[in-house]
Amino acid sequence: MTYLETAAQFYSEAAQTPQVGLCCVQSSPLQLPGLKIPRQMQEMNYGCGTTVHPNELANQPTVLYVGVGGGLEALQFAYFCRRPGAVIAIEPVSAMREAAQRNLELASLENPWFDPSFVEIHPGDAFNLPVDDASVDVVAQNCLFNIFEPADLSRALTEAYRVLKAGGRLQMSDPITTRPIPLTLQQDERLRAMCLSGAISYEEYTQLIINAGFGQIEIRARRPYRLLDKTTYYLAEHILLESLDSVAFKVAIPEDGACIFTGKTAIYTGSESFFDDGAGHILERGVPAAVCDKTAAKLAAFKPEEIIVTNSTWHYHGGGCC
C-alpha cells in the first residue's frame, strides 16, 4: 500500500472503533452557548488543536472542511453558518463519512438550532477538491495535512488556494517538529498516519504555505503536542512535536515577502510623540503595536536604540500597524 492507503485504512478502523485521544488532544472542544456535542462525536475528535476561530466566521461564510473526521468541527462551523450547504465536508474514507453523518444526526437531536442539511459530506480528497475555483470563504483542516509528504502537502495547499475566494482564509491545525525526524520514522506509514512522523519544521511549513500563494499568515496558537522519546523510537535525543494553529489569507504577497504574524510588537521609545517609518507603520511613543515578523526585523535594525521588539507570543488576532 502507499502511505495514503495506509492512512485511509487506519482511519477507517478508527471510524468503526473510536479511539479516545488518538491524536492526544490537549484541550476540550471550543465551548459555545447552546452547542451540545454528542459523546460519540467527542470521542472521534481526532485533531491536534482547533481550526474554528469565531473572529473569522462573521457573515455566515461558506466553509470547505477537508477530512471531516467525526464531524465535530463541521458542527462547530455550522454553529456560525446556519443554512443548508454552508459547510461542505470532504472525506476520502467511506467509514468516516458514515460515522460523521451518524454523529451529525445525533447532534441534531441535542441541538434544536442544528439541521443536518447545514453540513454536506462528499467523497473526495485534498488534492482534487470537488468545488469550483474561488467559490468558498474558508478552507479548514485539522491534523490531516501533516500526514502528507512535502510534495503532496504542496499539492493540497495549492488546491486550497484555488478554491478560496480572494481574501479567503485557510484555517489549519497541524503538528510541527522542533528537530528533524529521521528518515526511518518518516517512512513508517503507520506512524505517519498517526500524526507522529510526518511533521516538518515551522520554517518549512510556513514556507510551503507562502509558496502556494498565500500573502499573510497569522499564528493563533503554538503549544507542545507529543514527544518522540529516544528510548521508544531509537533516537539520539528526544524530539518534541508542537501543535500549530494558523490562518493563512489569500491575498497578494508583498514585494518584500509575505507577512507572518506570531504576536510580536514594536515599541517606540524615542523623544517624539510617534515614529513613522515611511512604509505605513506608525508607532506611538510607549505603545506596543502588533507587527509581522518581517516588519519587526526591519524596525529593530533601523532604530535599534529607539525601538524595542518583543518576542513572539505565538498568538495573534489582528490589530497593530501591519
C-alpha atoms as a PDB file:
ATOM      1  CA  MET A   1       0.000   0.000   0.000  1.00  0.00           C
ATOM      2  CA  THR A   2       1.006   3.626  -0.451  1.00  0.00           C
ATOM      3  CA  TYR A   3       1.257   5.723   2.686  1.00  0.00           C
ATOM      4  CA  LEU A   4      -2.068   7.384   1.820  1.00  0.00           C
ATOM      5  CA  GLU A   5      -3.746   3.988   1.578  1.00  0.00           C
ATOM      6  CA  THR A   6      -2.296   3.061   4.956  1.00  0.00           C
ATOM      7  CA  ALA A   7      -3.687   6.285   6.420  1.00  0.00           C
ATOM      8  CA  ALA A   8      -7.113   5.554   4.895  1.00  0.00           C
ATOM      9  CA  GLN A   9      -7.136   2.066   6.410  1.00  0.00           C
ATOM     10  CA  PHE A  10      -6.028   3.435   9.785  1.00  0.00           C
ATOM     11  CA  TYR A  11      -8.852   5.985   9.911  1.00  0.00           C
ATOM     12  CA  SER A  12     -11.386   3.505   8.604  1.00  0.00           C
ATOM     13  CA  GLU A  13     -10.583   1.409  11.673  1.00  0.00           C
ATOM     14  CA  ALA A  14     -10.757   4.488  13.898  1.00  0.00           C
ATOM     15  CA  ALA A  15     -14.183   5.362  12.479  1.00  0.00           C
ATOM     16  CA  GLN A  16     -15.579   1.943  13.263  1.00  0.00           C
ATOM     17  CA  THR A  17     -13.958   1.710  16.707  1.00  0.00           C
ATOM     18  CA  PRO A  18     -13.450   5.206  18.132  1.00  0.00           C
ATOM     19  CA  GLN A  19     -10.147   5.657  19.942  1.00  0.00           C
ATOM     20  CA  VAL A  20     -10.310   8.390  22.567  1.00  0.00           C
ATOM     21  CA  GLY A  21      -7.222  10.596  22.441  1.00  0.00           C
ATOM     22  CA  LEU A  22      -5.989   9.110  19.166  1.00  0.00           C
ATOM     23  CA  CYS A  23      -4.182  12.362  18.415  1.00  0.00           C
ATOM     24  CA  CYS A  24      -3.628  13.216  22.084  1.00  0.00           C
ATOM     25  CA  VAL A  25      -5.954  16.223  22.135  1.00  0.00           C
ATOM     26  CA  GLN A  26      -4.706  18.641  24.787  1.00  0.00           C
ATOM     27  CA  SER A  27      -7.894  20.609  25.408  1.00  0.00           C
ATOM     28  CA  SER A  28     -11.654  20.246  25.348  1.00  0.00           C
ATOM     29  CA  PRO A  29     -13.530  21.472  22.256  1.00  0.00           C
ATOM     30  CA  LEU A  30     -14.483  25.110  21.902  1.00  0.00           C
ATOM     31  CA  GLN A  31     -17.462  25.737  24.159  1.00  0.00           C
ATOM     32  CA  LEU A  32     -20.254  27.780  22.577  1.00  0.00           C
ATOM     33  CA  PRO A  33     -23.628  28.840  24.053  1.00  0.00           C
ATOM     34  CA  GLY A  34     -26.350  26.408  23.047  1.00  0.00           C
ATOM     35  CA  LEU A  35     -23.942  23.889  21.480  1.00  0.00           C
ATOM     36  CA  LYS A  36     -24.029  20.316  22.771  1.00  0.00           C
ATOM     37  CA  ILE A  37     -21.535  17.805  21.392  1.00  0.00           C
ATOM     38  CA  PRO A  38     -22.629  14.148  21.352  1.00  0.00           C
ATOM     39  CA  ARG A  39     -20.326  11.822  23.288  1.00  0.00           C
ATOM     40  CA  GLN A  40     -19.548   9.704  20.211  1.00  0.00           C
ATOM     41  CA  MET A  41     -18.545  12.810  18.287  1.00  0.00           C
ATOM     42  CA  GLN A  42     -16.301  13.923  21.120  1.00  0.00           C
ATOM     43  CA  GLU A  43     -14.589  10.522  21.206  1.00  0.00           C
ATOM     44  CA  MET A  44     -13.787  10.902  17.497  1.00  0.00           C
ATOM     45  CA  ASN A  45     -12.198  14.316  17.887  1.00  0.00           C
ATOM     46  CA  TYR A  46      -9.043  13.308  16.031  1.00  0.00           C
ATOM     47  CA  GLY A  47      -7.248  16.633  15.946  1.00  0.00           C
ATOM     48  CA  CYS A  48      -4.259  18.399  17.482  1.00  0.00           C
ATOM     49  CA  GLY A  49      -5.800  21.833  18.054  1.00  0.00           C
ATOM     50  CA  THR A  50      -8.675  23.821  16.589  1.00  0.00           C
ATOM     51  CA  THR A  51      -9.451  25.456  13.249  1.00  0.00           C
ATOM     52  CA  VAL A  52     -12.646  27.147  14.464  1.00  0.00           C
ATOM     53  CA  HIS A  53     -11.827  30.808  15.133  1.00  0.00           C
ATOM     54  CA  PRO A  54     -15.012  32.831  15.777  1.00  0.00           C
ATOM     55  CA  ASN A  55     -13.373  36.083  14.620  1.00  0.00           C
ATOM     56  CA  GLU A  56     -13.117  34.629  11.105  1.00  0.00           C
ATOM     57  CA  LEU A  57     -16.742  33.477  10.904  1.00  0.00           C
ATOM     58  CA  ALA A  58     -18.837  36.635  10.615  1.00  0.00           C
ATOM     59  CA  ASN A  59     -21.469  36.938   7.873  1.00  0.00           C
ATOM     60  CA  GLN A  60     -22.095  33.181   7.596  1.00  0.00           C
ATOM     61  CA  PRO A  61     -19.222  32.177   5.324  1.00  0.00           C
ATOM     62  CA  THR A  62     -19.194  29.084   3.139  1.00  0.00           C
ATOM     63  CA  VAL A  63     -16.746  26.629   4.712  1.00  0.00           C
ATOM     64  CA  LEU A  64     -14.971  23.747   2.992  1.00  0.00           C
ATOM     65  CA  TYR A  65     -13.763  21.261   5.606  1.00  0.00           C
ATOM     66  CA  VAL A  66     -11.160  18.747   4.397  1.00  0.00           C
ATOM     67  CA  GLY A  67     -11.134  15.450   6.303  1.00  0.00           C
ATOM     68  CA  VAL A  68     -14.398  15.514   8.273  1.00  0.00           C
ATOM     69  CA  GLY A  69     -13.357  13.049  10.984  1.00  0.00           C
ATOM     70  CA  GLY A  70     -16.185  12.551  13.450  1.00  0.00           C
ATOM     71  CA  GLY A  71     -17.838  15.800  12.361  1.00  0.00           C
ATOM     72  CA  LEU A  72     -17.092  17.857  15.475  1.00  0.00           C
ATOM     73  CA  GLU A  73     -15.538  20.875  13.812  1.00  0.00           C
ATOM     74  CA  ALA A  74     -18.028  20.712  10.946  1.00  0.00           C
ATOM     75  CA  LEU A  75     -20.738  21.045  13.611  1.00  0.00           C
ATOM     76  CA  GLN A  76     -18.887  23.950  15.220  1.00  0.00           C
ATOM     77  CA  PHE A  77     -18.575  25.734  11.874  1.00  0.00           C
ATOM     78  CA  ALA A  78     -22.291  25.146  11.247  1.00  0.00           C
ATOM     79  CA  TYR A  79     -22.991  26.930  14.544  1.00  0.00           C
ATOM     80  CA  PHE A  80     -21.844  30.128  12.833  1.00  0.00           C
ATOM     81  CA  CYS A  81     -23.269  29.312   9.364  1.00  0.00           C
ATOM     82  CA  ARG A  82     -26.845  28.169   9.936  1.00  0.00           C
ATOM     83  CA  ARG A  83     -28.068  27.464   6.425  1.00  0.00           C
ATOM     84  CA  PRO A  84     -28.219  24.422   4.126  1.00  0.00           C
ATOM     85  CA  GLY A  85     -24.886  23.590   2.499  1.00  0.00           C
ATOM     86  CA  ALA A  86     -22.966  26.180   4.489  1.00  0.00           C
ATOM     87  CA  VAL A  87     -20.346  23.594   5.436  1.00  0.00           C
ATOM     88  CA  ILE A  88     -19.027  21.310   2.690  1.00  0.00           C
ATOM     89  CA  ALA A  89     -17.103  18.410   4.200  1.00  0.00           C
ATOM     90  CA  ILE A  90     -14.741  16.351   2.039  1.00  0.00           C
ATOM     91  CA  GLU A  91     -13.714  12.900   3.268  1.00  0.00           C
ATOM     92  CA  PRO A  92     -11.994  10.087   1.315  1.00  0.00           C
ATOM     93  CA  VAL A  93     -12.734   7.316   3.847  1.00  0.00           C
ATOM     94  CA  SER A  94     -16.241   5.903   3.452  1.00  0.00           C
ATOM     95  CA  ALA A  95     -16.419   4.560   7.023  1.00  0.00           C
ATOM     96  CA  MET A  96     -15.529   8.009   8.348  1.00  0.00           C
ATOM     97  CA  ARG A  97     -18.177   9.672   6.162  1.00  0.00           C
ATOM     98  CA  GLU A  98     -20.786   7.289   7.525  1.00  0.00           C
ATOM     99  CA  ALA A  99     -19.679   7.828  11.120  1.00  0.00           C
ATOM    100  CA  ALA A 100     -19.706  11.606  10.736  1.00  0.00           C
ATOM    101  CA  GLN A 101     -23.192  11.532   9.231  1.00  0.00           C
ATOM    102  CA  ARG A 102     -24.453   9.449  12.175  1.00  0.00           C
ATOM    103  CA  ASN A 103     -22.832  11.831  14.623  1.00  0.00           C
ATOM    104  CA  LEU A 104     -24.409  14.853  12.952  1.00  0.00           C
ATOM    105  CA  GLU A 105     -27.823  13.185  13.131  1.00  0.00           C
ATOM    106  CA  LEU A 106     -27.251  12.700  16.870  1.00  0.00           C
ATOM    107  CA  ALA A 107     -26.210  16.353  17.148  1.00  0.00           C
ATOM    108  CA  SER A 108     -29.484  17.433  15.557  1.00  0.00           C
ATOM    109  CA  LEU A 109     -31.355  15.665  18.377  1.00  0.00           C
ATOM    110  CA  GLU A 110     -29.376  17.502  21.044  1.00  0.00           C
ATOM    111  CA  ASN A 111     -29.227  20.924  19.343  1.00  0.00           C
ATOM    112  CA  PRO A 112     -32.610  22.394  18.274  1.00  0.00           C
ATOM    113  CA  TRP A 113     -30.884  25.021  16.125  1.00  0.00           C
ATOM    114  CA  PHE A 114     -28.940  22.453  14.049  1.00  0.00           C
ATOM    115  CA  ASP A 115     -30.210  20.773  10.908  1.00  0.00           C
ATOM    116  CA  PRO A 116     -28.035  18.062   9.276  1.00  0.00           C
ATOM    117  CA  SER A 117     -28.556  19.824   5.937  1.00  0.00           C
ATOM    118  CA  PHE A 118     -26.196  22.551   7.199  1.00  0.00           C
ATOM    119  CA  VAL A 119     -23.307  20.115   6.581  1.00  0.00           C
ATOM    120  CA  GLU A 120     -22.905  18.316   3.245  1.00  0.00           C
ATOM    121  CA  ILE A 121     -20.469  15.390   3.298  1.00  0.00           C
ATOM    122  CA  HIS A 122     -18.928  14.389  -0.023  1.00  0.00           C
ATOM    123  CA  PRO A 123     -16.323  11.827  -1.088  1.00  0.00           C
ATOM    124  CA  GLY A 124     -13.078  13.365  -2.240  1.00  0.00           C
ATOM    125  CA  ASP A 125      -9.568  14.244  -1.140  1.00  0.00           C
ATOM    126  CA  ALA A 126      -7.366  17.256  -0.513  1.00  0.00           C
ATOM    127  CA  PHE A 127      -5.704  17.029  -3.939  1.00  0.00           C
ATOM    128  CA  ASN A 128      -8.880  17.297  -6.037  1.00  0.00           C
ATOM    129  CA  LEU A 129     -11.464  19.310  -4.125  1.00  0.00           C
ATOM    130  CA  PRO A 130     -14.878  18.921  -5.811  1.00  0.00           C
ATOM    131  CA  VAL A 131     -15.748  22.631  -5.823  1.00  0.00           C
ATOM    132  CA  ASP A 132     -15.246  25.467  -8.287  1.00  0.00           C
ATOM    133  CA  ASP A 133     -12.407  27.961  -8.350  1.00  0.00           C
ATOM    134  CA  ALA A 134     -12.801  30.883  -5.918  1.00  0.00           C
ATOM    135  CA  SER A 135     -16.057  29.511  -4.509  1.00  0.00           C
ATOM    136  CA  VAL A 136     -15.591  29.260  -0.722  1.00  0.00           C
ATOM    137  CA  ASP A 137     -14.700  31.705   2.039  1.00  0.00           C
ATOM    138  CA  VAL A 138     -12.893  29.306   4.367  1.00  0.00           C
ATOM    139  CA  VAL A 139     -10.947  26.074   3.871  1.00  0.00           C
ATOM    140  CA  ALA A 140     -10.187  24.204   7.086  1.00  0.00           C
ATOM    141  CA  GLN A 141      -8.309  21.044   8.043  1.00  0.00           C
ATOM    142  CA  ASN A 142      -7.233  19.653  11.392  1.00  0.00           C
ATOM    143  CA  CYS A 143      -4.280  17.279  11.751  1.00  0.00           C
ATOM    144  CA  LEU A 144      -4.542  15.963   8.181  1.00  0.00           C
ATOM    145  CA  PHE A 145      -2.026  17.828   6.059  1.00  0.00           C
ATOM    146  CA  ASN A 146       0.852  16.798   8.345  1.00  0.00           C
ATOM    147  CA  ILE A 147       0.336  13.228   7.133  1.00  0.00           C
ATOM    148  CA  PHE A 148       1.285  14.280   3.585  1.00  0.00           C
ATOM    149  CA  GLU A 149       4.797  14.049   2.237  1.00  0.00           C
ATOM    150  CA  PRO A 150       6.125  17.517   1.245  1.00  0.00           C
ATOM    151  CA  ALA A 151       5.235  17.242  -2.461  1.00  0.00           C
ATOM    152  CA  ASP A 152       1.690  16.146  -1.611  1.00  0.00           C
ATOM    153  CA  LEU A 153       1.412  18.867   1.033  1.00  0.00           C
ATOM    154  CA  SER A 154       2.271  21.429  -1.640  1.00  0.00           C
ATOM    155  CA  ARG A 155      -0.460  19.963  -3.875  1.00  0.00           C
ATOM    156  CA  ALA A 156      -3.022  20.211  -1.070  1.00  0.00           C
ATOM    157  CA  LEU A 157      -2.102  23.805  -0.244  1.00  0.00           C
ATOM    158  CA  THR A 158      -2.267  24.821  -3.915  1.00  0.00           C
ATOM    159  CA  GLU A 159      -5.676  23.186  -4.227  1.00  0.00           C
ATOM    160  CA  ALA A 160      -6.935  25.032  -1.135  1.00  0.00           C
ATOM    161  CA  TYR A 161      -5.697  28.296  -2.657  1.00  0.00           C
ATOM    162  CA  ARG A 162      -7.553  27.519  -5.892  1.00  0.00           C
ATOM    163  CA  VAL A 163     -10.990  27.118  -4.303  1.00  0.00           C
ATOM    164  CA  LEU A 164     -10.756  30.110  -1.952  1.00  0.00           C
ATOM    165  CA  LYS A 165     -12.260  33.443  -2.866  1.00  0.00           C
ATOM    166  CA  ALA A 166      -9.954  36.465  -2.920  1.00  0.00           C
ATOM    167  CA  GLY A 167      -9.299  37.347   0.705  1.00  0.00           C
ATOM    168  CA  GLY A 168     -10.435  33.885   1.794  1.00  0.00           C
ATOM    169  CA  ARG A 169      -8.833  32.037   4.695  1.00  0.00           C
ATOM    170  CA  LEU A 170      -7.085  28.699   5.077  1.00  0.00           C
ATOM    171  CA  GLN A 171      -7.517  27.641   8.708  1.00  0.00           C
ATOM    172  CA  MET A 172      -5.298  24.774   9.812  1.00  0.00           C
ATOM    173  CA  SER A 173      -4.051  22.903  12.838  1.00  0.00           C
ATOM    174  CA  ASP A 174      -1.082  20.583  12.346  1.00  0.00           C
ATOM    175  CA  PRO A 175       1.835  19.142  14.297  1.00  0.00           C
ATOM    176  CA  ILE A 176       5.260  20.590  13.534  1.00  0.00           C
ATOM    177  CA  THR A 177       8.608  19.259  14.700  1.00  0.00           C
ATOM    178  CA  THR A 178      11.325  21.055  16.632  1.00  0.00           C
ATOM    179  CA  ARG A 179      14.043  18.687  15.355  1.00  0.00           C
ATOM    180  CA  PRO A 180      14.457  16.797  12.072  1.00  0.00           C
ATOM    181  CA  ILE A 181      12.644  13.468  12.146  1.00  0.00           C
ATOM    182  CA  PRO A 182      14.848  10.588  10.956  1.00  0.00           C
ATOM    183  CA  LEU A 183      14.009   9.157   7.545  1.00  0.00           C
ATOM    184  CA  THR A 184      13.307   5.733   9.053  1.00  0.00           C
ATOM    185  CA  LEU A 185      10.448   7.202  11.089  1.00  0.00           C
ATOM    186  CA  GLN A 186       9.201   9.344   8.200  1.00  0.00           C
ATOM    187  CA  GLN A 187       8.914   6.186   6.104  1.00  0.00           C
ATOM    188  CA  ASP A 188       6.932   4.323   8.771  1.00  0.00           C
ATOM    189  CA  GLU A 189       3.472   4.595   7.215  1.00  0.00           C
ATOM    190  CA  ARG A 190       1.619   3.692  10.408  1.00  0.00           C
ATOM    191  CA  LEU A 191       3.430   6.362  12.438  1.00  0.00           C
ATOM    192  CA  ARG A 192       2.776   8.894   9.683  1.00  0.00           C
ATOM    193  CA  ALA A 193      -0.937   8.037   9.710  1.00  0.00           C
ATOM    194  CA  MET A 194      -0.919   8.525  13.499  1.00  0.00           C
ATOM    195  CA  CYS A 195       0.402  12.097  13.008  1.00  0.00           C
ATOM    196  CA  LEU A 196       3.717  11.191  14.641  1.00  0.00           C
ATOM    197  CA  SER A 197       6.349  11.106  11.916  1.00  0.00           C
ATOM    198  CA  GLY A 198       5.203  13.347   9.061  1.00  0.00           C
ATOM    199  CA  ALA A 199       5.683  16.689  10.795  1.00  0.00           C
ATOM    200  CA  ILE A 200       8.067  19.238   9.286  1.00  0.00           C
ATOM    201  CA  SER A 201       9.632  22.302  10.897  1.00  0.00           C
ATOM    202  CA  TYR A 202       7.795  25.570  11.455  1.00  0.00           C
ATOM    203  CA  GLU A 203      10.004  27.260   8.853  1.00  0.00           C
ATOM    204  CA  GLU A 204       9.327  24.590   6.218  1.00  0.00           C
ATOM    205  CA  TYR A 205       5.592  24.549   6.988  1.00  0.00           C
ATOM    206  CA  THR A 206       5.091  28.306   6.671  1.00  0.00           C
ATOM    207  CA  GLN A 207       7.272  28.494   3.551  1.00  0.00           C
ATOM    208  CA  LEU A 208       5.143  25.882   1.779  1.00  0.00           C
ATOM    209  CA  ILE A 209       2.038  27.944   2.607  1.00  0.00           C
ATOM    210  CA  ILE A 210       3.695  31.012   1.100  1.00  0.00           C
ATOM    211  CA  ASN A 211       4.845  29.018  -1.935  1.00  0.00           C
ATOM    212  CA  ALA A 212       1.185  28.161  -2.598  1.00  0.00           C
ATOM    213  CA  GLY A 213       0.474  31.904  -2.933  1.00  0.00           C
ATOM    214  CA  PHE A 214      -0.776  32.994   0.498  1.00  0.00           C
ATOM    215  CA  GLY A 215       0.467  36.501   1.329  1.00  0.00           C
ATOM    216  CA  GLN A 216      -0.339  36.612   5.037  1.00  0.00           C
ATOM    217  CA  ILE A 217      -0.169  34.026   7.816  1.00  0.00           C
ATOM    218  CA  GLU A 218      -1.369  34.520  11.378  1.00  0.00           C
ATOM    219  CA  ILE A 219      -0.341  32.133  14.161  1.00  0.00           C
ATOM    220  CA  ARG A 220      -3.238  31.580  16.559  1.00  0.00           C
ATOM    221  CA  ALA A 221      -1.572  29.058  18.877  1.00  0.00           C
ATOM    222  CA  ARG A 222       1.633  27.040  19.234  1.00  0.00           C
ATOM    223  CA  ARG A 223       1.969  24.538  22.044  1.00  0.00           C
ATOM    224  CA  PRO A 224       3.539  21.158  22.923  1.00  0.00           C
ATOM    225  CA  TYR A 225       1.759  18.227  21.288  1.00  0.00           C
ATOM    226  CA  ARG A 226       3.647  14.925  21.618  1.00  0.00           C
ATOM    227  CA  LEU A 227       7.124  13.659  22.411  1.00  0.00           C
ATOM    228  CA  LEU A 228       9.020  11.111  20.363  1.00  0.00           C
ATOM    229  CA  ASP A 229      11.178   9.783  23.185  1.00  0.00           C
ATOM    230  CA  LYS A 230      14.605   8.430  22.383  1.00  0.00           C
ATOM    231  CA  THR A 231      14.026   5.040  24.030  1.00  0.00           C
ATOM    232  CA  THR A 232      10.790   4.104  22.261  1.00  0.00           C
ATOM    233  CA  TYR A 233      11.813   5.443  18.865  1.00  0.00           C
ATOM    234  CA  TYR A 234      15.562   4.631  18.973  1.00  0.00           C
ATOM    235  CA  LEU A 235      16.668   8.247  18.722  1.00  0.00           C
ATOM    236  CA  ALA A 236      19.847  10.010  19.754  1.00  0.00           C
ATOM    237  CA  GLU A 237      17.707  12.574  21.612  1.00  0.00           C
ATOM    238  CA  HIS A 238      14.049  13.325  22.265  1.00  0.00           C
ATOM    239  CA  ILE A 239      12.044  15.074  19.529  1.00  0.00           C
ATOM    240  CA  LEU A 240       9.293  17.434  20.665  1.00  0.00           C
ATOM    241  CA  LEU A 241       6.309  17.858  18.349  1.00  0.00           C
ATOM    242  CA  GLU A 242       4.242  21.023  18.666  1.00  0.00           C
ATOM    243  CA  SER A 243       0.705  21.821  17.594  1.00  0.00           C
ATOM    244  CA  LEU A 244       0.389  24.895  15.367  1.00  0.00           C
ATOM    245  CA  ASP A 245      -2.943  26.638  14.722  1.00  0.00           C
ATOM    246  CA  SER A 246      -2.743  29.093  11.827  1.00  0.00           C
ATOM    247  CA  VAL A 247      -4.860  31.183   9.470  1.00  0.00           C
ATOM    248  CA  ALA A 248      -3.441  31.963   6.010  1.00  0.00           C
ATOM    249  CA  PHE A 249      -5.070  34.618   3.829  1.00  0.00           C
ATOM    250  CA  LYS A 250      -5.472  34.534   0.060  1.00  0.00           C
ATOM    251  CA  VAL A 251      -4.022  37.989  -0.501  1.00  0.00           C
ATOM    252  CA  ALA A 252      -1.174  39.101  -2.734  1.00  0.00           C
ATOM    253  CA  ILE A 253       2.335  38.504  -1.463  1.00  0.00           C
ATOM    254  CA  PRO A 254       4.008  41.903  -0.917  1.00  0.00           C
ATOM    255  CA  GLU A 255       7.117  42.699  -2.922  1.00  0.00           C
ATOM    256  CA  ASP A 256       9.283  42.363   0.180  1.00  0.00           C
ATOM    257  CA  GLY A 257       7.788  38.991   1.125  1.00  0.00           C
ATOM    258  CA  ALA A 258       4.791  37.525   2.907  1.00  0.00           C
ATOM    259  CA  CYS A 259       3.686  38.788   6.315  1.00  0.00           C
ATOM    260  CA  ILE A 260       3.754  36.260   9.162  1.00  0.00           C
ATOM    261  CA  PHE A 261       2.285  37.364  12.472  1.00  0.00           C
ATOM    262  CA  THR A 262       3.496  35.499  15.566  1.00  0.00           C
ATOM    263  CA  GLY A 263       2.480  38.007  18.247  1.00  0.00           C
ATOM    264  CA  LYS A 264       5.494  40.317  18.108  1.00  0.00           C
ATOM    265  CA  THR A 265       5.093  44.006  18.927  1.00  0.00           C
ATOM    266  CA  ALA A 266       7.248  47.059  18.306  1.00  0.00           C
ATOM    267  CA  ILE A 267       7.528  49.842  20.902  1.00  0.00           C
ATOM    268  CA  TYR A 268       8.915  53.273  20.073  1.00  0.00           C
ATOM    269  CA  THR A 269      10.894  54.829  22.952  1.00  0.00           C
ATOM    270  CA  GLY A 270      12.282  57.958  21.273  1.00  0.00           C
ATOM    271  CA  SER A 271      11.718  61.610  22.101  1.00  0.00           C
ATOM    272  CA  GLU A 272       8.978  62.321  19.531  1.00  0.00           C
ATOM    273  CA  SER A 273       5.269  61.573  20.094  1.00  0.00           C
ATOM    274  CA  PHE A 274       5.338  58.967  17.338  1.00  0.00           C
ATOM    275  CA  PHE A 275       7.609  57.276  14.813  1.00  0.00           C
ATOM    276  CA  ASP A 276       6.741  56.902  11.114  1.00  0.00           C
ATOM    277  CA  ASP A 277       8.966  54.584   9.068  1.00  0.00           C
ATOM    278  CA  GLY A 278       7.536  55.920   5.797  1.00  0.00           C
ATOM    279  CA  ALA A 279       6.294  52.470   4.848  1.00  0.00           C
ATOM    280  CA  GLY A 280       2.895  52.567   6.534  1.00  0.00           C
ATOM    281  CA  HIS A 281       3.969  51.787  10.093  1.00  0.00           C
ATOM    282  CA  ILE A 282       3.331  54.480  12.711  1.00  0.00           C
ATOM    283  CA  LEU A 283       4.322  53.765  16.304  1.00  0.00           C
ATOM    284  CA  GLU A 284       3.000  55.889  19.160  1.00  0.00           C
ATOM    285  CA  ARG A 285       5.608  56.532  21.817  1.00  0.00           C
ATOM    286  CA  GLY A 286       5.464  53.859  24.518  1.00  0.00           C
ATOM    287  CA  VAL A 287       2.522  51.960  22.974  1.00  0.00           C
ATOM    288  CA  PRO A 288       3.145  48.375  21.778  1.00  0.00           C
ATOM    289  CA  ALA A 289       1.969  47.877  18.190  1.00  0.00           C
ATOM    290  CA  ALA A 290       1.491  44.435  16.679  1.00  0.00           C
ATOM    291  CA  VAL A 291       3.748  43.889  13.678  1.00  0.00           C
ATOM    292  CA  CYS A 292       4.600  40.975  11.434  1.00  0.00           C
ATOM    293  CA  ASP A 293       7.951  39.286  11.878  1.00  0.00           C
ATOM    294  CA  LYS A 294       9.298  40.873   8.683  1.00  0.00           C
ATOM    295  CA  THR A 295       8.437  44.405   9.849  1.00  0.00           C
ATOM    296  CA  ALA A 296       9.706  43.678  13.357  1.00  0.00           C
ATOM    297  CA  ALA A 297      13.126  42.783  11.972  1.00  0.00           C
ATOM    298  CA  LYS A 298      13.259  45.900   9.779  1.00  0.00           C
ATOM    299  CA  LEU A 299      12.252  48.245  12.606  1.00  0.00           C
ATOM    300  CA  ALA A 300      14.729  46.690  15.037  1.00  0.00           C
ATOM    301  CA  ALA A 301      17.547  47.098  12.518  1.00  0.00           C
ATOM    302  CA  PHE A 302      16.535  50.641  11.538  1.00  0.00           C
ATOM    303  CA  LYS A 303      16.293  52.171  15.035  1.00  0.00           C
ATOM    304  CA  PRO A 304      17.788  49.678  17.484  1.00  0.00           C
ATOM    305  CA  GLU A 305      18.342  52.360  20.123  1.00  0.00           C
ATOM    306  CA  GLU A 306      14.757  53.647  19.967  1.00  0.00           C
ATOM    307  CA  ILE A 307      12.574  50.670  19.019  1.00  0.00           C
ATOM    308  CA  ILE A 308      12.064  47.627  21.215  1.00  0.00           C
ATOM    309  CA  VAL A 309      10.758  44.468  19.533  1.00  0.00           C
ATOM    310  CA  THR A 310       9.117  41.960  21.853  1.00  0.00           C
ATOM    311  CA  ASN A 311       9.322  38.185  21.432  1.00  0.00           C
ATOM    312  CA  SER A 312       6.745  36.064  19.618  1.00  0.00           C
ATOM    313  CA  THR A 313       3.786  35.129  21.804  1.00  0.00           C
ATOM    314  CA  TRP A 314       2.612  32.589  19.165  1.00  0.00           C
ATOM    315  CA  HIS A 315      -0.857  34.086  19.445  1.00  0.00           C
ATOM    316  CA  TYR A 316      -2.249  36.797  17.176  1.00  0.00           C
ATOM    317  CA  HIS A 317      -5.774  38.055  16.458  1.00  0.00           C
ATOM    318  CA  GLY A 318      -5.219  41.227  14.464  1.00  0.00           C
ATOM    319  CA  GLY A 319      -4.601  44.855  15.299  1.00  0.00           C
ATOM    320  CA  GLY A 320      -1.448  46.943  15.246  1.00  0.00           C
ATOM    321  CA  CYS A 321       0.410  48.549  12.383  1.00  0.00           C
ATOM    322  CA  CYS A 322       0.569  45.887   9.691  1.00  0.00           C
END
